[in-house]
Amino acid sequence: MKHKSLLTAAGGALALAITLAACSDAGSGDESNSGPAQTQTETDSAGEVEGTNNDADVAFAQMMIVHHQGAIEMADLAIAQAETQDVRDLAERISTAQGPEIERMTSWLETWGEETMPMDGMDHGDMDGMDMDGMSQEEAMEELQSLSGTEFDRRFLDLMTAHHEGAVEMAQEELSSGENPQALELAETIISDQEAEIAEMEQMRADL
């Protein structure tokens, strides 16, 4: 009888262990299912915040794309035509920096379901921040193409300084009226970078 009782107790213990293991597996499964759901919620929430935008954000991206295209056009001409290495180096930096920014803003507009505005379809002189010393992009390019040597370098620095001042003005408007966090961050970057380049160009101009 004593032997039979021991067997019965052992069997009960085994059954209890199996039951506890099953409960543990079930609990573990519940935790694993809740993890991805929570991550997805956080991801969705972050995406929604980043996607928030208003009309000022759209206008900023559309206009700054065109503005950057103009700067790259002028910079590429300076890379090929400037006399001094410092001016060529500056032009190279401008072209290299503003290309990726155009790609970022184009991506935003596509995400927002908005049209981009190609350079050929806009008149720079009709928009705040687009003219340079009273000249349109086309007029500025025509003048630069007619110059050479130190005369070219001086005029390029004058016009690019005015161009940068227009970009800073547009970025400041975005900071006051926009709401998209990524667009606001880019506006701050543009102000910081281009104000530094304006100071650099003013020193270059004084040294020529």
Protein backbone atom coordinates (compact mmCIF):
# COMPACT_ATOMS: atom_id res chain seq x y z
CA MET A 1 0.00 0.00 0.00
CA LYS A 2 2.84 2.31 0.86
CA HIS A 3 4.44 1.66 -2.56
CA LYS A 4 1.14 2.38 -4.30
CA SER A 5 0.81 5.70 -2.46
CA LEU A 6 4.26 6.74 -3.56
CA LEU A 7 3.40 6.02 -7.20
CA THR A 8 0.19 8.00 -6.89
CA ALA A 9 2.04 10.97 -5.41
CA ALA A 10 4.68 10.82 -8.13
CA GLY A 11 2.02 10.78 -10.81
CA GLY A 12 0.30 13.75 -9.26
CA ALA A 13 3.54 15.70 -9.13
CA LEU A 14 4.22 14.92 -12.80
CA ALA A 15 0.76 16.10 -13.79
CA LEU A 16 1.23 19.30 -11.82
CA ALA A 17 4.58 19.98 -13.52
CA ILE A 18 3.03 19.47 -16.96
CA THR A 19 0.17 21.82 -16.08
CA LEU A 20 2.55 24.52 -14.81
CA ALA A 21 4.72 24.23 -17.93
CA ALA A 22 1.66 24.63 -20.15
CA CYS A 23 0.60 27.71 -18.22
CA SER A 24 4.10 29.16 -18.51
CA ASP A 25 4.13 28.63 -22.31
CA ALA A 26 0.73 30.26 -22.64
CA GLY A 27 1.85 33.25 -20.61
CA SER A 28 5.00 33.56 -22.67
CA GLY A 29 2.92 33.50 -25.84
CA ASP A 30 0.74 36.32 -24.56
CA GLU A 31 3.79 38.48 -23.83
CA SER A 32 5.30 37.87 -27.27
CA ASN A 33 2.04 38.83 -28.93
CA SER A 34 1.74 42.06 -26.97
CA GLY A 35 5.32 43.18 -27.79
CA PRO A 36 4.97 43.70 -31.56
CA ALA A 37 1.58 45.36 -31.14
CA GLN A 38 3.08 47.93 -28.79
CA THR A 39 6.02 48.57 -31.13
CA GLN A 40 3.68 49.02 -34.06
CA THR A 41 1.62 51.53 -32.13
CA GLU A 42 4.72 53.54 -31.27
CA THR A 43 5.87 53.42 -34.89
CA ASP A 44 2.48 54.55 -36.16
CA SER A 45 2.38 57.36 -33.64
CA ALA A 46 5.88 58.56 -34.61
CA GLY A 47 5.01 58.40 -38.30
CA GLU A 48 1.85 60.44 -37.77
CA VAL A 49 3.75 63.21 -35.98
CA GLU A 50 6.40 63.40 -38.69
CA GLY A 51 3.73 63.53 -41.39
CA THR A 52 1.86 66.50 -39.90
CA ASN A 53 2.14 69.55 -42.15
CA ASN A 54 0.37 72.73 -43.17
CA ASP A 55 0.28 75.04 -46.19
CA ALA A 56 3.37 76.91 -45.00
CA ASP A 57 5.37 73.65 -44.99
CA VAL A 58 4.25 72.85 -48.52
CA ALA A 59 5.09 76.34 -49.82
CA PHE A 60 8.48 76.23 -48.06
CA ALA A 61 9.43 72.92 -49.68
CA GLN A 62 8.17 73.91 -53.14
CA MET A 63 9.89 77.29 -53.15
CA MET A 64 13.11 76.12 -51.51
CA ILE A 65 13.50 73.35 -54.10
CA VAL A 66 13.42 75.99 -56.85
CA HIS A 67 15.71 78.26 -54.86
CA HIS A 68 18.24 75.47 -54.30
CA GLN A 69 18.12 74.57 -58.00
CA GLY A 70 19.06 78.15 -58.80
CA ALA A 71 21.94 78.08 -56.34
CA ILE A 72 23.25 74.82 -57.81
CA GLU A 73 23.03 76.25 -61.34
CA MET A 74 25.12 79.26 -60.30
CA ALA A 75 27.53 77.13 -58.26
CA ASP A 76 28.14 74.71 -61.11
CA LEU A 77 28.98 77.64 -63.37
CA ALA A 78 31.44 78.95 -60.77
CA ILE A 79 33.08 75.52 -60.43
CA ALA A 80 33.84 75.67 -64.14
CA GLN A 81 34.49 79.40 -64.55
CA ALA A 82 35.78 80.99 -61.32
CA GLU A 83 39.37 82.16 -61.24
CA THR A 84 40.22 81.65 -57.55
CA GLN A 85 40.35 78.25 -55.87
CA ASP A 86 38.52 79.53 -52.79
CA VAL A 87 35.51 80.52 -54.89
CA ARG A 88 35.55 77.18 -56.72
CA ASP A 89 35.74 75.31 -53.40
CA LEU A 90 32.82 77.31 -52.00
CA ALA A 91 30.76 76.63 -55.11
CA GLU A 92 31.51 72.91 -54.82
CA ARG A 93 30.32 72.87 -51.20
CA ILE A 94 27.10 74.71 -52.09
CA SER A 95 26.29 72.31 -54.91
CA THR A 96 27.11 69.24 -52.81
CA ALA A 97 25.03 70.37 -49.81
CA GLN A 98 21.91 71.55 -51.58
CA GLY A 99 21.39 68.55 -53.87
CA PRO A 100 20.46 66.16 -51.01
CA GLU A 101 18.23 68.83 -49.48
CA ILE A 102 16.29 69.01 -52.75
CA GLU A 103 15.83 65.23 -52.62
CA ARG A 104 14.54 65.42 -49.02
CA MET A 105 12.01 68.14 -49.79
CA THR A 106 10.85 66.37 -52.94
CA SER A 107 10.24 63.23 -50.87
CA TRP A 108 8.18 65.23 -48.35
CA LEU A 109 5.98 66.69 -51.08
CA GLU A 110 5.38 63.25 -52.56
CA THR A 111 4.44 61.92 -49.10
CA TRP A 112 2.08 64.85 -48.55
CA GLY A 113 0.47 64.32 -51.97
CA GLU A 114 1.63 67.73 -53.20
CA GLU A 115 3.14 68.78 -56.52
CA THR A 116 6.77 69.80 -56.83
CA MET A 117 7.51 72.90 -58.86
CA PRO A 118 10.23 72.38 -61.47
CA MET A 119 12.61 75.25 -62.00
CA ASP A 120 11.57 75.89 -65.61
CA GLY A 121 7.95 76.33 -64.55
CA MET A 122 8.49 79.22 -62.13
CA ASP A 123 9.54 82.83 -62.36
CA HIS A 124 12.01 83.49 -59.56
CA GLY A 125 11.30 87.21 -59.62
CA ASP A 126 7.66 86.71 -58.68
CA MET A 127 8.39 85.14 -55.27
CA ASP A 128 9.86 86.55 -52.07
CA GLY A 129 13.49 85.59 -51.61
CA MET A 130 13.96 84.58 -55.24
CA ASP A 131 15.48 87.72 -56.78
CA MET A 132 19.14 88.74 -56.44
CA ASP A 133 19.94 92.45 -56.40
CA GLY A 134 16.71 92.96 -58.34
CA MET A 135 17.68 90.30 -60.90
CA SER A 136 15.90 87.09 -61.78
CA GLN A 137 17.72 83.75 -61.92
CA GLU A 138 17.85 83.93 -65.71
CA GLU A 139 19.23 87.47 -65.72
CA ALA A 140 21.86 86.58 -63.12
CA MET A 141 23.01 83.57 -65.10
CA GLU A 142 23.25 85.60 -68.31
CA GLU A 143 25.40 88.22 -66.59
CA LEU A 144 27.70 85.65 -64.97
CA GLN A 145 28.18 83.80 -68.24
CA SER A 146 29.42 87.03 -69.83
CA LEU A 147 32.13 87.57 -67.19
CA SER A 148 35.53 86.03 -66.54
CA GLY A 149 38.47 86.24 -64.14
CA THR A 150 38.28 88.28 -60.97
CA GLU A 151 35.27 90.15 -62.35
CA PHE A 152 33.35 86.87 -62.48
CA ASP A 153 34.41 85.91 -58.95
CA ARG A 154 33.31 89.22 -57.47
CA ARG A 155 29.94 89.19 -59.19
CA PHE A 156 29.33 85.56 -58.31
CA LEU A 157 29.98 86.30 -54.63
CA ASP A 158 27.67 89.34 -54.77
CA LEU A 159 24.84 87.38 -56.37
CA MET A 160 25.25 84.25 -54.27
CA THR A 161 25.26 86.37 -51.11
CA ALA A 162 21.95 87.92 -52.19
CA HIS A 163 20.67 84.45 -53.09
CA HIS A 164 21.57 83.11 -49.64
CA GLU A 165 19.90 86.08 -47.98
CA GLY A 166 16.71 85.13 -49.84
CA ALA A 167 16.98 81.54 -48.59
CA VAL A 168 17.40 82.75 -45.00
CA GLU A 169 14.30 84.93 -45.40
CA MET A 170 12.28 81.96 -46.68
CA ALA A 171 13.53 79.71 -43.89
CA GLN A 172 12.63 82.30 -41.25
CA GLU A 173 9.11 82.42 -42.66
CA GLU A 174 8.89 78.64 -42.31
CA LEU A 175 9.96 78.86 -38.66
CA SER A 176 7.21 81.37 -37.96
CA SER A 177 4.39 79.65 -39.89
CA GLY A 178 5.26 75.98 -40.48
CA GLU A 179 4.50 72.99 -38.26
CA ASN A 180 6.20 69.94 -39.75
CA PRO A 181 9.13 69.05 -37.44
CA GLN A 182 11.38 67.90 -40.27
CA ALA A 183 10.72 71.04 -42.33
CA LEU A 184 11.33 73.23 -39.29
CA GLU A 185 14.60 71.43 -38.61
CA LEU A 186 15.73 71.94 -42.21
CA ALA A 187 14.80 75.63 -42.02
CA GLU A 188 17.03 76.02 -38.96
CA THR A 189 19.86 74.23 -40.78
CA ILE A 190 19.50 76.47 -43.83
CA ILE A 191 19.64 79.61 -41.69
CA SER A 192 22.72 78.42 -39.80
CA ASP A 193 24.61 77.13 -42.86
CA GLN A 194 23.84 79.97 -45.21
CA GLU A 195 24.46 82.75 -42.71
CA ALA A 196 27.90 81.21 -42.15
CA GLU A 197 28.49 81.11 -45.92
CA ILE A 198 27.33 84.73 -46.28
CA ALA A 199 30.02 85.78 -43.77
CA GLU A 200 32.56 83.66 -45.64
CA MET A 201 31.63 85.20 -49.00
CA GLU A 202 31.81 88.73 -47.62
CA GLN A 203 35.38 88.03 -46.48
CA MET A 204 36.28 86.49 -49.84
CA ARG A 205 34.84 89.52 -51.61
CA ALA A 206 36.92 91.86 -49.45
CA ASP A 207 40.07 89.88 -50.27
CA LEU A 208 39.65 90.00 -54.05
